[in-house]
Amino acid sequence: MHDFLDDVRLWPGMYLRNRSILDLSSILYGYSVACKIHGVPAVTDFDQLGPFSEWLWPRLGMQHSSLGWEVEIRRAAETAGTPPLDMFFSLLDEFRAERDDTEQDTVR
């Protein structure tokens, strides 16, 4: 999943109409559903209640949102005057860095 997101970052127009964060969310949701249907273990980082959402809410000054991470990132991006997809990838970098730090602390 994370390799796919790296490809989307490099070539957003190839995967997403109008660089839409909602289209990205739909792709990630579809992947998750397909894995469940076929009994394949899936990366669930981007599910509605997944690790990315749980990390994101405090980062955006929220406790929770039933609208989903894509809507809240879009709202925050509009307020900041930043393209939503750019904000998503900035937040994704932070999420990955913090998760990597936590995993390294656990190993020590």
C-alpha atoms as a PDB file:
ATOM      1  CA  MET A   1       0.000   0.000   0.000  1.00  0.00           C
ATOM      2  CA  HIS A   2       2.711   2.462   0.925  1.00  0.00           C
ATOM      3  CA  ASP A   3       4.603   1.673  -2.278  1.00  0.00           C
ATOM      4  CA  PHE A   4       1.422   2.433  -4.215  1.00  0.00           C
ATOM      5  CA  LEU A   5       1.102   5.766  -2.421  1.00  0.00           C
ATOM      6  CA  ASP A   6       4.684   6.600  -3.379  1.00  0.00           C
ATOM      7  CA  ASP A   7       3.718   5.986  -7.023  1.00  0.00           C
ATOM      8  CA  VAL A   8       0.634   8.201  -6.670  1.00  0.00           C
ATOM      9  CA  ARG A   9       2.835  10.956  -5.262  1.00  0.00           C
ATOM     10  CA  LEU A  10       5.101  10.741  -8.307  1.00  0.00           C
ATOM     11  CA  TRP A  11       2.328  10.469 -10.911  1.00  0.00           C
ATOM     12  CA  PRO A  12      -0.937  11.731  -9.395  1.00  0.00           C
ATOM     13  CA  GLY A  13      -2.530  12.405 -12.769  1.00  0.00           C
ATOM     14  CA  MET A  14      -2.117   8.781 -13.756  1.00  0.00           C
ATOM     15  CA  TYR A  15      -4.126   7.545 -10.763  1.00  0.00           C
ATOM     16  CA  LEU A  16      -6.423  10.396  -9.720  1.00  0.00           C
ATOM     17  CA  ARG A  17      -8.766  12.617 -11.672  1.00  0.00           C
ATOM     18  CA  ASN A  18      -7.994  16.255 -10.900  1.00  0.00           C
ATOM     19  CA  ARG A  19      -5.589  15.204  -8.126  1.00  0.00           C
ATOM     20  CA  SER A  20      -8.621  14.416  -5.979  1.00  0.00           C
ATOM     21  CA  ILE A  21      -8.055  13.245  -2.414  1.00  0.00           C
ATOM     22  CA  LEU A  22     -11.552  11.750  -2.495  1.00  0.00           C
ATOM     23  CA  ASP A  23     -10.533   9.585  -5.455  1.00  0.00           C
ATOM     24  CA  LEU A  24      -7.454   8.485  -3.510  1.00  0.00           C
ATOM     25  CA  SER A  25      -9.626   7.568  -0.548  1.00  0.00           C
ATOM     26  CA  SER A  26     -11.917   5.551  -2.822  1.00  0.00           C
ATOM     27  CA  ILE A  27      -8.975   3.604  -4.226  1.00  0.00           C
ATOM     28  CA  LEU A  28      -7.671   2.808  -0.741  1.00  0.00           C
ATOM     29  CA  TYR A  29     -11.125   1.768   0.441  1.00  0.00           C
ATOM     30  CA  GLY A  30     -11.606  -0.434  -2.634  1.00  0.00           C
ATOM     31  CA  TYR A  31      -8.267  -2.118  -1.966  1.00  0.00           C
ATOM     32  CA  SER A  32      -9.273  -2.841   1.613  1.00  0.00           C
ATOM     33  CA  VAL A  33     -12.649  -4.280   0.566  1.00  0.00           C
ATOM     34  CA  ALA A  34     -11.091  -6.451  -2.145  1.00  0.00           C
ATOM     35  CA  CYS A  35      -8.587  -7.871   0.356  1.00  0.00           C
ATOM     36  CA  LYS A  36     -11.381  -8.703   2.800  1.00  0.00           C
ATOM     37  CA  ILE A  37     -13.471 -10.367   0.085  1.00  0.00           C
ATOM     38  CA  HIS A  38     -10.541 -12.528  -0.994  1.00  0.00           C
ATOM     39  CA  GLY A  39      -9.268 -13.271   2.506  1.00  0.00           C
ATOM     40  CA  VAL A  40      -5.970 -11.503   1.938  1.00  0.00           C
ATOM     41  CA  PRO A  41      -4.321  -9.623   4.814  1.00  0.00           C
ATOM     42  CA  ALA A  42      -4.514  -5.925   4.024  1.00  0.00           C
ATOM     43  CA  VAL A  43      -2.742  -2.803   5.165  1.00  0.00           C
ATOM     44  CA  THR A  44      -5.493  -1.083   7.124  1.00  0.00           C
ATOM     45  CA  ASP A  45      -3.641   2.142   7.916  1.00  0.00           C
ATOM     46  CA  PHE A  46      -6.164   4.183   5.946  1.00  0.00           C
ATOM     47  CA  ASP A  47      -9.419   2.574   7.066  1.00  0.00           C
ATOM     48  CA  GLN A  48     -11.953   4.887   8.693  1.00  0.00           C
ATOM     49  CA  LEU A  49     -10.779   3.932  12.191  1.00  0.00           C
ATOM     50  CA  GLY A  50      -7.269   2.917  11.169  1.00  0.00           C
ATOM     51  CA  PRO A  51      -3.947   4.110  12.511  1.00  0.00           C
ATOM     52  CA  PHE A  52      -3.686   7.074  10.124  1.00  0.00           C
ATOM     53  CA  SER A  53      -7.053   8.461  11.242  1.00  0.00           C
ATOM     54  CA  GLU A  54      -6.248   7.936  14.914  1.00  0.00           C
ATOM     55  CA  TRP A  55      -2.960   9.774  14.422  1.00  0.00           C
ATOM     56  CA  LEU A  56      -4.551  12.513  12.302  1.00  0.00           C
ATOM     57  CA  TRP A  57      -7.349  13.682  14.586  1.00  0.00           C
ATOM     58  CA  PRO A  58      -5.102  15.191  17.293  1.00  0.00           C
ATOM     59  CA  ARG A  59      -2.799  16.550  14.579  1.00  0.00           C
ATOM     60  CA  LEU A  60      -5.761  18.512  13.152  1.00  0.00           C
ATOM     61  CA  GLY A  61      -6.970  19.496  16.640  1.00  0.00           C
ATOM     62  CA  MET A  62      -9.893  17.071  16.627  1.00  0.00           C
ATOM     63  CA  GLN A  63     -11.013  14.170  18.779  1.00  0.00           C
ATOM     64  CA  HIS A  64     -12.726  12.290  15.968  1.00  0.00           C
ATOM     65  CA  SER A  65     -14.562  12.808  12.696  1.00  0.00           C
ATOM     66  CA  SER A  66     -17.254  10.623  11.227  1.00  0.00           C
ATOM     67  CA  LEU A  67     -16.654  12.264   7.843  1.00  0.00           C
ATOM     68  CA  GLY A  68     -13.305  10.547   7.307  1.00  0.00           C
ATOM     69  CA  TRP A  69      -9.721  11.629   6.978  1.00  0.00           C
ATOM     70  CA  GLU A  70     -10.087  12.700   3.351  1.00  0.00           C
ATOM     71  CA  VAL A  71     -12.829  15.235   4.127  1.00  0.00           C
ATOM     72  CA  GLU A  72     -10.992  16.654   7.133  1.00  0.00           C
ATOM     73  CA  ILE A  73      -7.723  16.972   5.209  1.00  0.00           C
ATOM     74  CA  ARG A  74      -9.597  18.696   2.390  1.00  0.00           C
ATOM     75  CA  ARG A  75     -11.122  21.155   4.877  1.00  0.00           C
ATOM     76  CA  ALA A  76      -7.774  21.836   6.539  1.00  0.00           C
ATOM     77  CA  ALA A  77      -6.115  22.299   3.146  1.00  0.00           C
ATOM     78  CA  GLU A  78      -8.762  24.779   2.015  1.00  0.00           C
ATOM     79  CA  THR A  79      -8.231  26.779   5.212  1.00  0.00           C
ATOM     80  CA  ALA A  80      -4.450  26.710   4.701  1.00  0.00           C
ATOM     81  CA  GLY A  81      -4.669  27.498   0.979  1.00  0.00           C
ATOM     82  CA  THR A  82      -2.869  24.252   0.118  1.00  0.00           C
ATOM     83  CA  PRO A  83      -3.890  21.578  -2.385  1.00  0.00           C
ATOM     84  CA  PRO A  84      -5.478  18.715  -0.403  1.00  0.00           C
ATOM     85  CA  LEU A  85      -3.339  16.031  -2.033  1.00  0.00           C
ATOM     86  CA  ASP A  86      -0.165  17.945  -1.150  1.00  0.00           C
ATOM     87  CA  MET A  87      -1.345  18.225   2.449  1.00  0.00           C
ATOM     88  CA  PHE A  88      -2.136  14.504   2.508  1.00  0.00           C
ATOM     89  CA  PHE A  89       1.384  13.596   1.433  1.00  0.00           C
ATOM     90  CA  SER A  90       2.933  15.995   3.960  1.00  0.00           C
ATOM     91  CA  LEU A  91       0.828  14.429   6.689  1.00  0.00           C
ATOM     92  CA  LEU A  92       1.654  10.948   5.397  1.00  0.00           C
ATOM     93  CA  ASP A  93       5.370  11.747   5.697  1.00  0.00           C
ATOM     94  CA  GLU A  94       4.855  12.859   9.313  1.00  0.00           C
ATOM     95  CA  PHE A  95       2.772   9.763  10.075  1.00  0.00           C
ATOM     96  CA  ARG A  96       5.404   7.456   8.630  1.00  0.00           C
ATOM     97  CA  ALA A  97       8.244   9.223  10.451  1.00  0.00           C
ATOM     98  CA  GLU A  98       6.478   9.044  13.816  1.00  0.00           C
ATOM     99  CA  ARG A  99       5.516   5.416  13.277  1.00  0.00           C
ATOM    100  CA  ASP A 100       9.094   4.535  12.316  1.00  0.00           C
ATOM    101  CA  ASP A 101      10.366   6.279  15.474  1.00  0.00           C
ATOM    102  CA  THR A 102       7.849   4.368  17.606  1.00  0.00           C
ATOM    103  CA  GLU A 103       8.791   1.043  16.014  1.00  0.00           C
ATOM    104  CA  GLN A 104      12.490   1.726  16.621  1.00  0.00           C
ATOM    105  CA  ASP A 105      11.791   2.576  20.274  1.00  0.00           C
ATOM    106  CA  THR A 106       9.867  -0.692  20.650  1.00  0.00           C
ATOM    107  CA  VAL A 107      12.790  -2.704  19.238  1.00  0.00           C
ATOM    108  CA  ARG A 108      15.287  -1.120  21.622  1.00  0.00           C
END
